[in-house]
Amino acid sequence: MPTRKTTATRRTAAPRNPELTAALDSLAAAGRHLRNAVQGKVDALRGVAADEIARAKAALLKRTNVAQDRVETVLKTTETRLHKAITGAQKALDRAVTEAEKRSAATAKAAKKATAPAQRAAGGARKTVAKKVAKVAKKVAQAAENAQG
C-alpha cells in the first residue's frame, strides 16, 4: 500500500480576546519606538565622542608639532655650531700644516748647509777606501795567478 505523506498544518484561530491582541500590538510598537530612541541616543553619543576624540587628537598633534618644531630648531642650531667648529678646526689645521711646512723647509735648508762639508769629506773618504779596495783586489788577483801558475 502506498503511504501518503501528510503535512501538519497549523490552524490559525481567530483571536479570542481582541483587547489582548491590541495590547500586544501596542507593546510591540512601543518596543520598536524604544529601540529607535535608544539607537538615536547611541548614535548621538557616538558622534559626540568622535568629536571629542577629534579635538583631543588635534590638540595633541598641535602640541606634537610645536615640540617637533622646537627640536628641529635646536638641531638646526647645533648643526650650524658644529659646521662652524669644523670649519674653524679645518682652517687651524691648514695654518698649522702651512707653518710646519715652512719650518720643515727652513730646517731642511739649514741641515743641507750643515751637512755639506761632512758630505764633501765623506766623498773624499769614499774615494780613498775605493782605491785601497782596488789595490787589495789587484794583489789578491796576482796571488791567485801566482798560485795557479
Protein backbone atom coordinates (compact mmCIF):
# COMPACT_ATOMS: atom_id res chain seq x y z
CA MET A 1 0.00 0.00 0.00
CA PRO A 2 1.29 3.35 -0.90
CA THR A 3 1.85 5.65 2.01
CA ARG A 4 0.55 9.08 1.84
CA LYS A 5 2.64 11.89 3.17
CA THR A 6 0.71 14.21 5.33
CA THR A 7 1.82 17.62 6.32
CA ALA A 8 0.99 19.08 9.60
CA THR A 9 -0.91 22.26 9.25
CA ARG A 10 -1.24 24.82 11.89
CA ARG A 11 -4.56 26.17 12.32
CA THR A 12 -4.73 29.86 12.96
CA ALA A 13 -7.50 30.67 15.17
CA ALA A 14 -9.13 33.98 15.39
CA PRO A 15 -8.08 35.91 18.45
CA ARG A 16 -10.27 35.19 21.31
CA ASN A 17 -9.61 38.49 23.06
CA PRO A 18 -9.30 41.50 20.73
CA GLU A 19 -8.17 43.76 23.61
CA LEU A 20 -5.24 41.45 24.35
CA THR A 21 -4.27 41.47 20.68
CA ALA A 22 -4.41 45.28 20.60
CA ALA A 23 -2.29 45.45 23.75
CA LEU A 24 0.30 43.10 22.23
CA ASP A 25 0.44 45.20 19.07
CA SER A 26 0.78 48.35 21.15
CA LEU A 27 3.56 46.74 23.21
CA ALA A 28 5.43 45.68 20.07
CA ALA A 29 5.14 49.19 18.63
CA ALA A 30 6.40 50.66 21.92
CA GLY A 31 9.41 48.28 21.80
CA ARG A 32 10.22 49.43 18.27
CA HIS A 33 9.96 53.08 19.29
CA LEU A 34 12.14 52.42 22.33
CA ARG A 35 14.78 50.65 20.20
CA ASN A 36 14.78 53.56 17.72
CA ALA A 37 15.08 56.10 20.54
CA VAL A 38 17.95 54.23 22.21
CA GLN A 39 19.67 53.79 18.85
CA GLY A 40 19.34 57.52 18.22
CA LYS A 41 20.87 58.30 21.63
CA VAL A 42 23.72 55.85 20.98
CA ASP A 43 24.37 57.45 17.60
CA ALA A 44 24.35 60.90 19.19
CA LEU A 45 26.78 59.78 21.90
CA ARG A 46 28.99 58.17 19.25
CA GLY A 47 29.04 61.48 17.34
CA VAL A 48 29.88 63.47 20.48
CA ALA A 49 32.63 61.02 21.41
CA ALA A 50 34.06 61.14 17.88
CA ASP A 51 34.07 64.98 18.03
CA GLU A 52 35.82 64.96 21.41
CA ILE A 53 38.39 62.45 20.19
CA ALA A 54 39.00 64.56 17.08
CA ARG A 55 39.50 67.70 19.23
CA ALA A 56 41.86 65.87 21.58
CA LYS A 57 43.78 64.46 18.63
CA ALA A 58 44.07 67.92 17.03
CA ALA A 59 45.32 69.41 20.32
CA LEU A 60 47.82 66.59 20.72
CA LEU A 61 49.02 66.98 17.14
CA LYS A 62 49.41 70.71 17.70
CA ARG A 63 51.50 70.06 20.81
CA THR A 64 53.47 67.43 18.97
CA ASN A 65 54.11 69.83 16.07
CA VAL A 66 55.22 72.57 18.48
CA ALA A 67 57.58 70.14 20.21
CA GLN A 68 58.85 68.89 16.87
CA ASP A 69 59.47 72.46 15.73
CA ARG A 70 61.43 73.13 18.91
CA VAL A 71 63.51 70.01 18.42
CA GLU A 72 64.17 70.91 14.78
CA THR A 73 65.23 74.43 15.82
CA VAL A 74 67.66 73.04 18.39
CA LEU A 75 69.01 70.55 15.84
CA LYS A 76 69.47 73.29 13.25
CA THR A 77 71.31 75.48 15.76
CA THR A 78 73.50 72.57 16.78
CA GLU A 79 74.28 71.72 13.16
CA THR A 80 75.21 75.37 12.49
CA ARG A 81 77.54 75.42 15.50
CA LEU A 82 79.08 72.11 14.51
CA HIS A 83 79.65 73.35 10.96
CA LYS A 84 81.35 76.49 12.28
CA ALA A 85 83.53 74.43 14.65
CA ILE A 86 84.54 72.05 11.85
CA THR A 87 85.35 74.96 9.53
CA GLY A 88 87.42 76.65 12.27
CA ALA A 89 89.28 73.42 13.03
CA GLN A 90 89.98 72.88 9.35
CA LYS A 91 91.36 76.40 8.96
CA ALA A 92 93.51 75.98 12.08
CA LEU A 93 94.81 72.67 10.74
CA ASP A 94 95.61 74.26 7.36
CA ARG A 95 97.50 77.08 9.11
CA ALA A 96 99.41 74.61 11.29
CA VAL A 97 100.36 72.47 8.27
CA THR A 98 101.49 75.52 6.31
CA GLU A 99 103.56 76.71 9.28
CA ALA A 100 105.07 73.24 9.72
CA GLU A 101 105.93 73.07 6.01
CA LYS A 102 107.68 76.44 6.24
CA ARG A 103 109.64 75.31 9.30
CA SER A 104 110.47 72.00 7.65
CA ALA A 105 111.74 73.74 4.53
CA ALA A 106 113.87 76.10 6.63
CA THR A 107 115.21 73.19 8.71
CA ALA A 108 116.00 71.16 5.60
CA LYS A 109 117.84 74.09 4.08
CA ALA A 110 119.84 74.61 7.28
CA ALA A 111 120.56 70.87 7.55
CA LYS A 112 121.75 70.78 3.96
CA LYS A 113 124.13 73.65 4.63
CA ALA A 114 125.40 71.99 7.80
CA THR A 115 125.94 68.58 6.16
CA ALA A 116 127.63 69.88 3.00
CA PRO A 117 131.18 69.88 4.48
CA ALA A 118 130.63 66.42 6.01
CA GLN A 119 129.40 65.11 2.66
CA ARG A 120 132.43 66.51 0.91
CA ALA A 121 134.70 64.86 3.46
CA ALA A 122 132.78 61.61 3.19
CA GLY A 123 133.12 61.77 -0.58
CA GLY A 124 136.91 62.00 -0.26
CA ALA A 125 136.96 59.16 2.24
CA ARG A 126 134.90 57.02 -0.10
CA LYS A 127 137.38 57.59 -2.88
CA THR A 128 140.29 56.66 -0.62
CA VAL A 129 138.54 53.49 0.56
CA ALA A 130 137.72 52.60 -3.03
CA LYS A 131 141.37 52.99 -4.03
CA LYS A 132 142.52 50.78 -1.15
CA VAL A 133 139.92 48.12 -2.01
CA ALA A 134 141.08 48.20 -5.63
CA LYS A 135 144.74 47.73 -4.55
CA VAL A 136 143.84 44.78 -2.33
CA ALA A 137 141.76 43.23 -5.09
CA LYS A 138 144.69 43.61 -7.50
CA LYS A 139 147.06 41.90 -5.03
CA VAL A 140 144.54 39.08 -4.45
CA ALA A 141 144.27 38.58 -8.22
CA GLN A 142 148.07 38.46 -8.59
CA ALA A 143 148.35 35.98 -5.73
CA ALA A 144 145.70 33.83 -7.36
CA GLU A 145 147.63 33.89 -10.67
CA ASN A 146 150.85 33.02 -8.95
CA ALA A 147 149.20 30.15 -7.13
CA GLN A 148 147.85 28.71 -10.37
CA GLY A 149 150.91 29.13 -12.46
